Amino acid sequence: MSSDISRLRIASILEGLSYLILLVIAMPLKYIYDFPLAVRIVGMGHGILCVILILAIFKAHLNYKWSYRFSTQIFIASLIPLGAFWMDLKLKKIVINPVESS
């Protein structure tokens, strides 16, 4: 069952990295260097990774019977730059101590 959490952790890290690339590389390329294609490409990848992350959160929420508050915290963390890395730390603790998530 920890494979669900492993998938969620991978999805969160990939989504977090794509978010940072979007904000730090693609957006400046669009607005400073007039290169909007960067945002289109990175933005599409980021959007796909967001959907994958939401599905992974939902699946883990159902399988582990997490509280709505905990699942919502994980989702909200994905909306904040660097929040995915905080989320990964929380999920790593769950793998070590599964009682913490309830």
Protein backbone atom coordinates (compact mmCIF):
# COMPACT_ATOMS: atom_id res chain seq x y z
CA MET A 1 0.00 0.00 0.00
CA SER A 2 2.97 2.35 0.42
CA SER A 3 3.27 2.31 -3.36
CA ASP A 4 0.32 4.76 -3.42
CA ILE A 5 2.29 7.13 -1.23
CA SER A 6 5.41 6.58 -3.36
CA ARG A 7 3.42 7.48 -6.47
CA LEU A 8 1.99 10.52 -4.70
CA ARG A 9 5.47 11.64 -3.63
CA ILE A 10 6.83 11.25 -7.17
CA ALA A 11 3.85 13.12 -8.61
CA SER A 12 4.26 15.93 -6.07
CA ILE A 13 7.98 16.34 -6.76
CA LEU A 14 7.49 16.35 -10.53
CA GLU A 15 4.59 18.80 -10.27
CA GLY A 16 6.60 21.02 -7.93
CA LEU A 17 9.57 21.04 -10.26
CA SER A 18 7.38 21.83 -13.25
CA TYR A 19 5.81 24.69 -11.28
CA LEU A 20 9.23 26.13 -10.46
CA ILE A 21 10.38 25.78 -14.07
CA LEU A 22 7.22 27.54 -15.18
CA LEU A 23 7.71 30.42 -12.74
CA VAL A 24 11.49 30.80 -12.89
CA ILE A 25 12.32 29.96 -16.50
CA ALA A 26 9.26 29.97 -18.76
CA MET A 27 7.55 33.11 -17.45
CA PRO A 28 10.68 35.29 -17.73
CA LEU A 29 11.25 33.92 -21.23
CA LYS A 30 7.73 34.98 -22.16
CA TYR A 31 7.66 38.43 -20.60
CA ILE A 32 11.29 39.54 -20.79
CA TYR A 33 12.44 37.88 -24.01
CA ASP A 34 9.07 37.72 -25.82
CA PHE A 35 9.18 33.93 -26.17
CA PRO A 36 5.65 32.69 -25.29
CA LEU A 37 6.27 29.16 -26.60
CA ALA A 38 8.15 28.32 -23.38
CA VAL A 39 5.02 28.94 -21.28
CA ARG A 40 2.86 26.94 -23.68
CA ILE A 41 5.13 23.90 -23.51
CA VAL A 42 5.99 24.00 -19.81
CA GLY A 43 2.44 25.07 -18.91
CA MET A 44 0.94 22.08 -20.71
CA GLY A 45 3.30 19.69 -18.93
CA HIS A 46 2.57 21.34 -15.61
CA GLY A 47 -1.18 21.07 -16.20
CA ILE A 48 -0.92 17.36 -16.96
CA LEU A 49 1.20 16.82 -13.86
CA CYS A 50 -1.38 18.74 -11.77
CA VAL A 51 -4.14 16.41 -12.92
CA ILE A 52 -1.97 13.38 -12.15
CA LEU A 53 -1.21 14.80 -8.69
CA ILE A 54 -4.88 15.42 -7.92
CA LEU A 55 -5.74 11.86 -8.94
CA ALA A 56 -2.90 10.52 -6.78
CA ILE A 57 -4.11 12.57 -3.80
CA PHE A 58 -7.66 11.30 -4.30
CA LYS A 59 -6.54 7.67 -4.56
CA ALA A 60 -4.36 7.92 -1.45
CA HIS A 61 -7.18 9.70 0.40
CA LEU A 62 -9.53 6.79 -0.33
CA ASN A 63 -7.02 4.00 0.30
CA TYR A 64 -5.60 5.38 3.55
CA LYS A 65 -8.85 6.94 4.79
CA TRP A 66 -7.11 10.26 5.39
CA SER A 67 -9.05 13.11 6.92
CA TYR A 68 -10.41 15.71 4.54
CA ARG A 69 -8.27 18.29 6.30
CA PHE A 70 -5.05 16.38 5.62
CA SER A 71 -5.91 15.74 1.97
CA THR A 72 -6.86 19.39 1.53
CA GLN A 73 -3.55 20.49 3.07
CA ILE A 74 -1.70 18.33 0.58
CA PHE A 75 -3.68 19.82 -2.30
CA ILE A 76 -3.19 23.41 -1.11
CA ALA A 77 0.54 22.78 -0.73
CA SER A 78 0.68 21.99 -4.44
CA LEU A 79 -0.66 25.48 -5.22
CA ILE A 80 2.17 27.21 -3.35
CA PRO A 81 5.66 27.45 -4.89
CA LEU A 82 7.94 25.04 -3.00
CA GLY A 83 4.85 23.56 -1.30
CA ALA A 84 5.37 20.25 -3.08
CA PHE A 85 8.64 19.79 -1.24
CA TRP A 86 6.93 20.43 2.12
CA MET A 87 4.33 17.89 1.04
CA ASP A 88 7.04 15.36 0.28
CA LEU A 89 8.43 15.74 3.81
CA LYS A 90 4.97 15.14 5.30
CA LEU A 91 4.44 12.08 3.10
CA LYS A 92 7.87 10.72 3.97
CA LYS A 93 6.89 10.87 7.65
CA ILE A 94 3.71 8.93 6.87
CA VAL A 95 5.74 6.14 5.31
CA ILE A 96 7.76 5.95 8.54
CA ASN A 97 4.83 6.53 10.96
CA PRO A 98 1.44 5.76 9.32
CA VAL A 99 -0.65 6.87 12.34
CA GLU A 100 0.29 10.53 11.82
CA SER A 101 -2.05 11.11 8.85
CA SER A 102 -5.35 10.42 10.61
